[in-house]
Amino acid sequence: MTICYDKIHLIGIGGYGMSAIAKILIAWGHKVSGSDLKQSALTKGLEEEGAKIYFQHEAKNLQDVDAVIYSTAIGDDNVELIEAKKRKLPIYHRADVLAQFLNSGKGIAIAGAHGKTTTTSMVSLIMTKANMDPTAFIGGELEHFNGNARVGGSSYIVAEACESDRSFLQYKPYAAVLTNVEADHLDHYDGNFDRLISSYQEFIGNINKTGYLVVNGDDPIIKKLDFTGRKVITFGMGEQNQISAANCSFYKGTASFDLFIKGTPRGRIKLNVPGRHNVLNALAAIALSYQLGVSVEEMADTLKSFKGVKRRFEVLYKAEGKIIVDDYAHHPTEIKSTLIAAKNYNVPVIAIFQPQRYTRTSFLFKEFSEAFDDADKVYLLPIYSAGEKSIEKITSKNLAQAIKQRDTTEVMYVETHKQCIDLIQKDIQKNCIIITMGAGDVWKISHKLSKKKEI
């Protein structure tokens, strides 16, 4: 599709969703500018491609702009947003723009509580290798695409459909994937899980009736949804699914399984990413790609070459029995899956977790307290607020106490990154895996550790 404005400014351009849109707009010939509060690899890449980026929010940044795009993280009090309204410039939320892209082409939307980024990456890579030339918007950095977006020449648009703020209800895709449904982002749903489920049901209703929907047939919530009038393909571990896996094997960062399509064995699939959760992600990608006509052989070759996504069990260091990993896991289910994958290295697991958002920690406090049983030791950092106000008694100190009461793993609360790094230096074992988890800035710890000579 073509955006009808020449000079477009993105407020919060450094975020994954916004930077992906910026990259596509640049490729399509638009003059792109943007603002953010800090530099990153993503902003550096955009600057190299021609974007003008300001690392502060100021009204003067909009002097030569035709339209403005802003992200969910940008509040109504943002000076650039205020200036855009004052000048009566066309203003679009990030989801508005992504909806235009998806709805104007042959859109493929990947939705669900967990696995969206990896599944989107797998689907996009499979389609690319199969010469389907998709445009892709990814919520993480993929080495195969040298970033978080791919500019394609076909009508296929692949993107994540995020339920966090209900913006995915603007999408009317040709096809969609539903990886799983679980309680999260309840602050946008008045704390009511049923409202979140209803949003997924509404999302299903928006899928083009000539297209299809790929769903996790093992998920208990998905099983209760109404798919009337939609072509549905199921995937999962259970034999009742149209696309299923059996004889799964996991070893030191890899996974493999026997693939079955409609009950017929179709060969062994090998992955260079770990865990049962990635087997499910691969099954989802296979189910969708198979409907697009991609051969099993092509899919198997592509999935074997898939290197994973940045911050999804990203191995930063591996030597002399020590492994340092960074992961985006910020929900109890994701934490459990990540730690189970880490256990397959057969060495002690040291987890460093930074909860993100007071609301998420509050709604899922019990689940968080039960998520670390597969860790040998846990360091808990203060909650990363993401701009939220604190909630009484919802603290990492109290979460540490709740974990201690389970008497399954050693846990320690630490105030700062430096304190955490210093303590790890003192008790690090010769053979171990250290894994940072969270959606905040906890990744800085694993990156610092991986560069220390004594590690």
Protein backbone atom coordinates (compact mmCIF):
# COMPACT_ATOMS: atom_id res chain seq x y z
CA MET A 1 0.00 0.00 0.00
CA THR A 2 1.04 3.66 -0.26
CA ILE A 3 0.85 6.25 2.52
CA CYS A 4 -0.29 9.56 1.06
CA TYR A 5 2.10 11.72 3.11
CA ASP A 6 5.67 12.47 2.10
CA LYS A 7 7.28 13.55 5.39
CA ILE A 8 6.31 11.37 8.33
CA HIS A 9 7.45 11.77 11.94
CA LEU A 10 7.32 8.88 14.44
CA ILE A 11 7.18 9.70 18.15
CA GLY A 12 8.90 6.84 19.98
CA ILE A 13 10.65 5.64 16.83
CA GLY A 14 13.06 3.38 18.73
CA GLY A 15 10.46 0.81 19.81
CA TYR A 16 10.21 -2.49 17.97
CA GLY A 17 6.82 -1.78 16.45
CA MET A 18 7.59 1.80 15.51
CA SER A 19 11.06 1.16 14.10
CA ALA A 20 9.66 -1.63 11.91
CA ILE A 21 7.10 0.78 10.45
CA ALA A 22 9.81 3.41 9.96
CA LYS A 23 11.99 0.93 8.07
CA ILE A 24 9.14 0.03 5.71
CA LEU A 25 8.25 3.70 5.14
CA ILE A 26 11.85 4.54 4.26
CA ALA A 27 11.98 1.64 1.81
CA TRP A 28 8.81 2.93 0.18
CA GLY A 29 10.40 6.33 -0.43
CA HIS A 30 9.00 8.43 2.41
CA LYS A 31 11.11 10.99 4.28
CA VAL A 32 11.13 9.72 7.85
CA SER A 33 12.02 11.50 11.05
CA GLY A 34 11.43 10.48 14.62
CA SER A 35 12.23 11.02 18.26
CA ASP A 36 13.15 8.82 21.18
CA LEU A 37 14.87 9.20 24.52
CA LYS A 38 17.84 6.95 23.82
CA GLN A 39 19.97 5.57 21.03
CA SER A 40 19.92 1.89 20.15
CA ALA A 41 20.96 -0.50 17.42
CA LEU A 42 17.52 0.00 15.87
CA THR A 43 17.79 3.81 15.78
CA LYS A 44 21.34 3.58 14.43
CA GLY A 45 20.13 1.32 11.64
CA LEU A 46 17.33 3.73 10.75
CA GLU A 47 19.76 6.66 10.66
CA GLU A 48 22.00 4.70 8.29
CA GLU A 49 18.97 4.18 6.04
CA GLY A 50 18.23 7.91 5.96
CA ALA A 51 15.97 8.71 8.91
CA LYS A 52 16.52 11.91 10.91
CA ILE A 53 16.23 11.03 14.60
CA TYR A 54 16.13 13.39 17.58
CA PHE A 55 17.01 12.01 20.99
CA GLN A 56 14.70 14.27 22.90
CA HIS A 57 11.03 15.18 22.57
CA GLU A 58 10.65 18.79 21.47
CA ALA A 59 7.99 20.69 19.55
CA LYS A 60 10.59 21.99 17.07
CA ASN A 61 11.19 18.43 15.85
CA LEU A 62 7.94 18.77 13.87
CA GLN A 63 8.95 21.84 11.86
CA ASP A 64 8.91 20.08 8.47
CA VAL A 65 6.39 17.24 8.88
CA ASP A 66 3.23 16.19 6.99
CA ALA A 67 1.91 13.54 9.40
CA VAL A 68 2.68 11.99 12.78
CA ILE A 69 2.63 8.41 14.07
CA TYR A 70 2.87 7.67 17.79
CA SER A 71 3.14 4.54 19.93
CA THR A 72 1.09 3.35 22.91
CA ALA A 73 3.96 4.38 25.19
CA ILE A 74 3.46 8.05 24.25
CA GLY A 75 1.17 9.88 26.68
CA ASP A 76 -1.21 12.74 25.95
CA ASP A 77 1.22 15.13 27.65
CA ASN A 78 4.00 14.48 25.15
CA VAL A 79 5.16 17.84 23.78
CA GLU A 80 5.39 16.60 20.20
CA LEU A 81 1.93 15.10 20.29
CA ILE A 82 0.58 18.35 21.72
CA GLU A 83 2.34 20.30 18.96
CA ALA A 84 0.94 17.99 16.27
CA LYS A 85 -2.60 18.55 17.58
CA LYS A 86 -2.01 22.30 17.78
CA ARG A 87 -0.92 22.36 14.14
CA LYS A 88 -3.79 20.03 13.17
CA LEU A 89 -1.45 17.55 11.54
CA PRO A 90 -2.82 14.10 10.64
CA ILE A 91 -2.08 11.88 13.67
CA TYR A 92 -2.08 8.08 13.67
CA HIS A 93 -1.51 5.49 16.35
CA ARG A 94 1.02 2.79 15.42
CA ALA A 95 -1.81 0.22 15.26
CA ASP A 96 -3.76 2.42 12.81
CA VAL A 97 -0.85 2.30 10.37
CA LEU A 98 -0.20 -1.41 10.80
CA ALA A 99 -3.91 -2.07 10.26
CA GLN A 100 -3.76 -0.17 6.96
CA PHE A 101 -0.84 -2.33 5.86
CA LEU A 102 -2.43 -5.64 6.90
CA ASN A 103 -5.92 -4.85 5.66
CA SER A 104 -4.85 -3.58 2.24
CA GLY A 105 -2.73 -6.61 1.37
CA LYS A 106 -2.97 -10.34 2.00
CA GLY A 107 -2.48 -9.92 5.71
CA ILE A 108 -1.29 -12.68 8.03
CA ALA A 109 -1.67 -11.80 11.71
CA ILE A 110 0.03 -13.75 14.50
CA ALA A 111 -1.83 -13.42 17.80
CA GLY A 112 -1.63 -15.00 21.25
CA ALA A 113 -0.26 -14.50 24.74
CA HIS A 114 3.11 -16.12 24.05
CA GLY A 115 5.25 -17.00 21.05
CA LYS A 116 4.11 -14.24 18.70
CA THR A 117 7.55 -12.90 17.84
CA THR A 118 9.19 -16.27 17.22
CA THR A 119 6.21 -17.61 15.25
CA THR A 120 6.07 -14.42 13.14
CA SER A 121 9.80 -14.77 12.48
CA MET A 122 9.50 -18.43 11.49
CA VAL A 123 6.55 -17.77 9.18
CA SER A 124 8.27 -14.78 7.55
CA LEU A 125 11.48 -16.71 7.01
CA ILE A 126 9.71 -19.77 5.58
CA MET A 127 7.73 -17.57 3.16
CA THR A 128 10.90 -15.70 2.17
CA LYS A 129 12.83 -18.92 1.47
CA ALA A 130 9.83 -20.17 -0.53
CA ASN A 131 10.07 -17.07 -2.78
CA MET A 132 6.76 -15.63 -1.55
CA ASP A 133 8.51 -12.29 -0.87
CA PRO A 134 6.47 -11.10 2.16
CA THR A 135 6.70 -7.79 3.98
CA ALA A 136 7.18 -8.55 7.67
CA PHE A 137 6.79 -6.60 10.92
CA ILE A 138 8.49 -8.41 13.81
CA GLY A 139 8.49 -7.59 17.52
CA GLY A 140 12.17 -8.50 17.85
CA GLU A 141 15.42 -8.43 15.93
CA LEU A 142 15.97 -11.29 13.49
CA GLU A 143 19.51 -11.87 12.21
CA HIS A 144 18.19 -13.33 8.95
CA PHE A 145 16.56 -9.97 8.14
CA ASN A 146 19.22 -7.81 9.79
CA GLY A 147 16.59 -6.20 12.01
CA ASN A 148 12.92 -6.31 12.91
CA ALA A 149 11.31 -5.82 9.51
CA ARG A 150 11.50 -7.09 5.96
CA VAL A 151 10.47 -5.16 2.87
CA GLY A 152 8.81 -7.47 0.36
CA GLY A 153 7.39 -7.07 -3.11
CA SER A 154 4.32 -9.29 -2.88
CA SER A 155 0.89 -8.62 -1.39
CA TYR A 156 1.68 -10.75 1.68
CA ILE A 157 2.02 -8.79 4.93
CA VAL A 158 3.04 -10.75 8.05
CA ALA A 159 2.78 -9.07 11.44
CA GLU A 160 2.21 -9.65 15.13
CA ALA A 161 -1.27 -8.86 16.39
CA CYS A 162 -0.90 -7.70 19.97
CA GLU A 163 -3.82 -7.99 22.37
CA SER A 164 -2.21 -5.78 25.02
CA ASP A 165 -4.26 -2.65 24.23
CA ARG A 166 -7.00 -4.18 22.04
CA SER A 167 -5.42 -2.65 18.95
CA PHE A 168 -5.42 -6.03 17.22
CA LEU A 169 -9.17 -5.61 16.76
CA GLN A 170 -8.41 -3.15 13.94
CA TYR A 171 -6.87 -5.91 11.84
CA LYS A 172 -8.90 -7.76 9.21
CA PRO A 173 -6.37 -10.33 7.99
CA TYR A 174 -6.67 -12.95 5.31
CA ALA A 175 -5.18 -15.53 7.67
CA ALA A 176 -4.22 -15.63 11.34
CA VAL A 177 -2.49 -17.74 13.96
CA LEU A 178 -3.66 -18.03 17.56
CA THR A 179 -0.79 -19.48 19.59
CA ASN A 180 -2.47 -19.55 23.01
CA VAL A 181 -4.73 -17.48 25.27
CA GLU A 182 -3.73 -16.63 28.82
CA ALA A 183 -4.24 -13.86 31.35
CA ASP A 184 -1.95 -10.89 30.73
CA HIS A 185 -2.28 -7.16 30.13
CA LEU A 186 -5.34 -7.24 32.36
CA ASP A 187 -4.83 -3.56 33.20
CA HIS A 188 -6.35 -2.88 29.75
CA TYR A 189 -9.31 -5.14 30.53
CA ASP A 190 -10.29 -3.84 33.99
CA GLY A 191 -8.68 -6.92 35.52
CA ASN A 192 -11.30 -9.12 33.84
CA PHE A 193 -9.95 -12.17 32.00
CA ASP A 194 -13.35 -12.79 30.40
CA ARG A 195 -13.11 -9.41 28.67
CA LEU A 196 -9.73 -10.42 27.25
CA ILE A 197 -11.20 -13.70 25.97
CA SER A 198 -14.05 -11.77 24.37
CA SER A 199 -11.50 -9.64 22.52
CA TYR A 200 -9.92 -12.76 21.05
CA GLN A 201 -13.38 -13.88 19.96
CA GLU A 202 -13.91 -10.52 18.27
CA PHE A 203 -10.50 -10.84 16.59
CA ILE A 204 -11.55 -14.21 15.16
CA GLY A 205 -14.67 -12.59 13.74
CA ASN A 206 -12.53 -10.09 11.81
CA ILE A 207 -10.65 -12.74 9.81
CA ASN A 208 -11.55 -12.85 6.14
CA LYS A 209 -14.09 -15.65 5.55
CA THR A 210 -12.21 -16.75 2.44
CA GLY A 211 -9.05 -17.21 4.48
CA TYR A 212 -8.24 -19.43 7.44
CA LEU A 213 -7.25 -19.56 11.07
CA VAL A 214 -4.46 -21.66 12.61
CA VAL A 215 -5.01 -22.40 16.31
CA ASN A 216 -3.39 -24.31 19.15
CA GLY A 217 -5.77 -27.25 19.50
CA ASP A 218 -4.40 -28.14 22.92
CA ASP A 219 -5.10 -24.78 24.55
CA PRO A 220 -8.04 -25.03 27.00
CA ILE A 221 -9.24 -21.45 26.40
CA ILE A 222 -8.97 -21.67 22.62
CA LYS A 223 -11.08 -24.83 22.68
CA LYS A 224 -13.96 -22.78 24.09
CA LEU A 225 -13.90 -20.13 21.36
CA ASP A 226 -16.43 -20.08 18.54
CA PHE A 227 -14.97 -20.62 15.05
CA THR A 228 -18.27 -20.82 13.18
CA GLY A 229 -17.86 -19.79 9.54
CA ARG A 230 -14.07 -20.00 9.61
CA LYS A 231 -11.72 -22.57 8.11
CA VAL A 232 -9.65 -23.79 11.07
CA ILE A 233 -6.38 -25.74 11.12
CA THR A 234 -5.26 -27.05 14.50
CA PHE A 235 -1.73 -27.69 15.71
CA GLY A 236 -0.34 -29.08 18.94
CA MET A 237 1.11 -32.08 20.71
CA GLY A 238 -2.13 -34.01 20.80
CA GLU A 239 -2.79 -36.58 18.06
CA GLN A 240 -6.22 -35.04 17.41
CA ASN A 241 -4.56 -31.99 15.82
CA GLN A 242 -4.15 -31.70 12.06
CA ILE A 243 -0.52 -30.67 12.52
CA SER A 244 1.14 -32.45 15.45
CA ALA A 245 4.47 -33.48 16.95
CA ALA A 246 5.63 -36.71 18.57
CA ASN A 247 8.86 -38.10 20.00
CA CYS A 248 10.18 -34.68 20.98
CA SER A 249 13.83 -34.46 21.98
CA PHE A 250 15.60 -31.55 23.68
CA TYR A 251 19.33 -31.13 24.15
CA LYS A 252 21.51 -28.10 24.93
CA GLY A 253 19.68 -25.41 23.00
CA THR A 254 18.18 -27.62 20.32
CA ALA A 255 14.90 -29.44 19.76
CA SER A 256 13.63 -32.06 17.32
CA PHE A 257 10.38 -33.89 16.71
CA ASP A 258 8.52 -36.17 14.33
CA LEU A 259 6.03 -34.16 12.26
CA PHE A 260 2.56 -35.53 11.54
CA ILE A 261 0.12 -33.93 9.10
CA LYS A 262 -3.41 -35.29 9.40
CA GLY A 263 -2.02 -38.34 11.15
CA THR A 264 0.56 -39.14 8.47
CA PRO A 265 4.27 -39.02 9.43
CA ARG A 266 6.15 -36.43 7.36
CA GLY A 267 9.69 -36.65 8.68
CA ARG A 268 11.84 -35.32 11.49
CA ILE A 269 12.02 -31.57 12.12
CA LYS A 270 15.18 -30.19 13.73
CA LEU A 271 15.38 -26.80 15.46
CA ASN A 272 18.38 -24.85 16.66
CA VAL A 273 16.26 -23.16 19.32
CA PRO A 274 15.34 -24.86 22.61
CA GLY A 275 12.22 -25.95 24.41
CA ARG A 276 8.76 -27.37 24.03
CA HIS A 277 7.43 -23.86 23.47
CA ASN A 278 9.53 -23.55 20.32
CA VAL A 279 8.22 -26.87 19.05
CA LEU A 280 4.74 -25.36 19.34
CA ASN A 281 5.91 -22.17 17.60
CA ALA A 282 7.33 -24.29 14.77
CA LEU A 283 4.11 -26.31 14.48
CA ALA A 284 2.12 -23.07 14.17
CA ALA A 285 4.45 -21.82 11.44
CA ILE A 286 4.27 -25.18 9.64
CA ALA A 287 0.46 -25.26 9.81
CA LEU A 288 0.14 -21.80 8.27
CA SER A 289 2.88 -22.30 5.66
CA TYR A 290 1.47 -25.68 4.60
CA GLN A 291 -1.83 -23.95 3.78
CA LEU A 292 0.14 -21.51 1.64
CA GLY A 293 1.52 -24.41 -0.38
CA VAL A 294 5.05 -24.58 1.01
CA SER A 295 6.47 -28.11 0.92
CA VAL A 296 7.43 -29.95 4.09
CA GLU A 297 10.98 -30.27 2.79
CA GLU A 298 11.29 -26.49 2.32
CA MET A 299 9.88 -25.84 5.78
CA ALA A 300 12.18 -28.37 7.42
CA ASP A 301 15.28 -26.86 5.77
CA THR A 302 14.27 -23.33 6.76
CA LEU A 303 13.44 -24.21 10.35
CA LYS A 304 16.75 -26.02 10.73
CA SER A 305 18.53 -22.83 9.64
CA PHE A 306 16.45 -20.58 11.92
CA LYS A 307 18.81 -18.88 14.40
CA GLY A 308 16.21 -17.50 16.75
CA VAL A 309 15.28 -13.94 17.67
CA LYS A 310 17.25 -11.50 19.78
CA ARG A 311 16.27 -11.74 23.47
CA ARG A 312 14.58 -15.14 22.94
CA PHE A 313 16.99 -17.52 24.68
CA GLU A 314 19.84 -15.55 23.13
CA VAL A 315 23.16 -17.16 24.05
CA LEU A 316 25.63 -14.34 24.67
CA TYR A 317 28.55 -16.35 26.04
CA LYS A 318 29.52 -20.01 26.08
CA ALA A 319 32.91 -21.20 27.28
CA GLU A 320 34.55 -23.31 29.99
CA GLY A 321 31.25 -24.72 31.18
CA LYS A 322 29.59 -21.33 31.65
CA ILE A 323 26.67 -20.15 29.52
CA ILE A 324 25.11 -16.68 29.67
CA VAL A 325 21.66 -16.26 28.14
CA ASP A 326 19.26 -13.35 27.80
CA ASP A 327 15.51 -13.89 27.40
CA TYR A 328 12.44 -11.66 27.13
CA ALA A 329 10.33 -13.91 29.43
CA HIS A 330 8.18 -11.63 31.57
CA HIS A 331 5.07 -13.76 32.20
CA PRO A 332 5.00 -16.79 34.56
CA THR A 333 4.30 -19.22 31.71
CA GLU A 334 7.21 -17.82 29.70
CA ILE A 335 9.51 -18.02 32.73
CA LYS A 336 8.64 -21.67 33.29
CA SER A 337 9.21 -22.55 29.63
CA THR A 338 12.55 -20.72 29.57
CA LEU A 339 13.81 -22.38 32.75
CA ILE A 340 12.78 -25.84 31.54
CA ALA A 341 14.74 -25.19 28.34
CA ALA A 342 17.73 -24.09 30.45
CA LYS A 343 17.60 -27.30 32.50
CA ASN A 344 18.34 -29.28 29.33
CA TYR A 345 21.94 -28.08 29.56
CA ASN A 346 22.26 -30.30 32.67
CA VAL A 347 24.09 -27.66 34.74
CA PRO A 348 22.91 -25.48 37.66
CA VAL A 349 20.55 -22.69 36.53
CA ILE A 350 20.93 -19.18 37.97
CA ALA A 351 17.99 -16.92 37.04
CA ILE A 352 18.02 -13.14 37.22
CA PHE A 353 14.49 -11.79 36.94
CA GLN A 354 13.17 -8.25 36.73
CA PRO A 355 9.36 -8.08 36.97
CA GLN A 356 7.82 -5.59 34.56
CA ARG A 357 4.81 -3.45 35.52
CA TYR A 358 3.14 -3.31 38.91
CA THR A 359 -0.20 -4.28 37.41
CA ARG A 360 1.11 -7.49 35.83
CA THR A 361 2.95 -8.42 39.04
CA SER A 362 -0.20 -7.77 41.07
CA PHE A 363 -2.59 -9.71 38.84
CA LEU A 364 -0.21 -12.69 38.53
CA PHE A 365 1.59 -12.55 41.88
CA LYS A 366 0.82 -16.16 42.87
CA GLU A 367 1.76 -17.44 39.41
CA PHE A 368 5.08 -15.56 39.55
CA SER A 369 5.85 -17.08 42.95
CA GLU A 370 5.41 -20.57 41.45
CA ALA A 371 7.35 -19.97 38.23
CA PHE A 372 10.93 -20.52 39.42
CA ASP A 373 10.92 -24.14 40.61
CA ASP A 374 13.35 -25.17 37.85
CA ALA A 375 15.99 -22.61 38.87
CA ASP A 376 18.71 -23.47 41.37
CA LYS A 377 19.06 -19.85 42.41
CA VAL A 378 17.07 -16.71 41.67
CA TYR A 379 18.06 -13.05 41.89
CA LEU A 380 15.09 -10.66 41.93
CA LEU A 381 15.50 -7.04 40.89
CA PRO A 382 13.06 -4.20 41.70
CA ILE A 383 9.98 -4.00 39.49
CA TYR A 384 10.52 -2.16 36.22
CA SER A 385 7.60 0.25 36.31
CA ALA A 386 7.28 1.04 32.56
CA GLY A 387 5.76 4.33 33.68
CA GLU A 388 3.18 2.82 36.06
CA LYS A 389 2.58 4.02 39.60
CA SER A 390 3.54 1.65 42.40
CA ILE A 391 0.96 -0.56 44.09
CA GLU A 392 1.06 -1.09 47.84
CA LYS A 393 2.68 -4.40 48.88
CA ILE A 394 3.42 -5.32 45.24
CA THR A 395 7.21 -5.40 45.42
CA SER A 396 10.02 -7.72 44.38
CA LYS A 397 10.93 -8.07 48.07
CA ASN A 398 7.51 -9.53 48.80
CA LEU A 399 7.70 -11.71 45.69
CA ALA A 400 11.06 -13.05 46.92
CA GLN A 401 9.44 -13.96 50.25
CA ALA A 402 6.62 -15.78 48.44
CA ILE A 403 9.15 -17.78 46.41
CA LYS A 404 11.11 -18.65 49.58
CA GLN A 405 7.98 -20.06 51.20
CA ARG A 406 7.77 -22.71 48.47
CA ASP A 407 11.18 -23.98 49.60
CA THR A 408 12.08 -25.14 46.09
CA THR A 409 14.87 -22.74 45.16
CA GLU A 410 17.26 -20.25 46.72
CA VAL A 411 16.17 -16.65 46.14
CA MET A 412 17.78 -13.29 46.85
CA TYR A 413 16.46 -9.76 46.39
CA VAL A 414 18.98 -7.28 44.97
CA GLU A 415 18.57 -3.51 44.71
CA THR A 416 20.75 -2.75 41.69
CA HIS A 417 22.33 -4.25 38.61
CA LYS A 418 25.78 -3.72 40.15
CA GLN A 419 24.86 -5.54 43.33
CA CYS A 420 23.53 -8.44 41.28
CA ILE A 421 26.69 -8.64 39.15
CA ASP A 422 28.96 -8.45 42.23
CA LEU A 423 27.09 -11.23 44.02
CA ILE A 424 27.13 -13.48 40.96
CA GLN A 425 30.89 -13.00 40.70
CA LYS A 426 31.21 -14.33 44.23
CA ASP A 427 29.04 -17.43 43.95
CA ILE A 428 29.26 -18.33 40.27
CA GLN A 429 29.87 -22.01 39.71
CA LYS A 430 32.32 -23.41 37.20
CA ASN A 431 29.58 -25.14 35.24
CA CYS A 432 26.32 -23.20 35.16
CA ILE A 433 23.88 -21.29 33.00
CA ILE A 434 23.05 -17.71 33.95
CA ILE A 435 19.89 -16.37 32.39
CA THR A 436 18.43 -12.85 32.59
CA MET A 437 14.67 -12.60 32.12
CA GLY A 438 12.28 -9.68 31.81
CA ALA A 439 10.92 -6.98 29.50
CA GLY A 440 12.75 -4.11 31.18
CA ASP A 441 16.48 -3.38 31.18
CA VAL A 442 17.65 -6.59 32.90
CA TRP A 443 19.37 -7.55 29.63
CA LYS A 444 22.14 -5.10 30.53
CA ILE A 445 23.30 -7.49 33.25
CA SER A 446 23.83 -10.47 30.95
CA HIS A 447 25.55 -8.24 28.40
CA LYS A 448 27.92 -6.88 31.07
CA LEU A 449 28.59 -10.36 32.45
CA SER A 450 29.34 -11.75 29.00
CA LYS A 451 32.03 -9.12 28.47
CA LYS A 452 33.76 -9.59 31.83
CA LYS A 453 37.14 -11.33 31.53
CA GLU A 454 36.67 -13.28 34.75
CA ILE A 455 33.54 -14.91 33.30
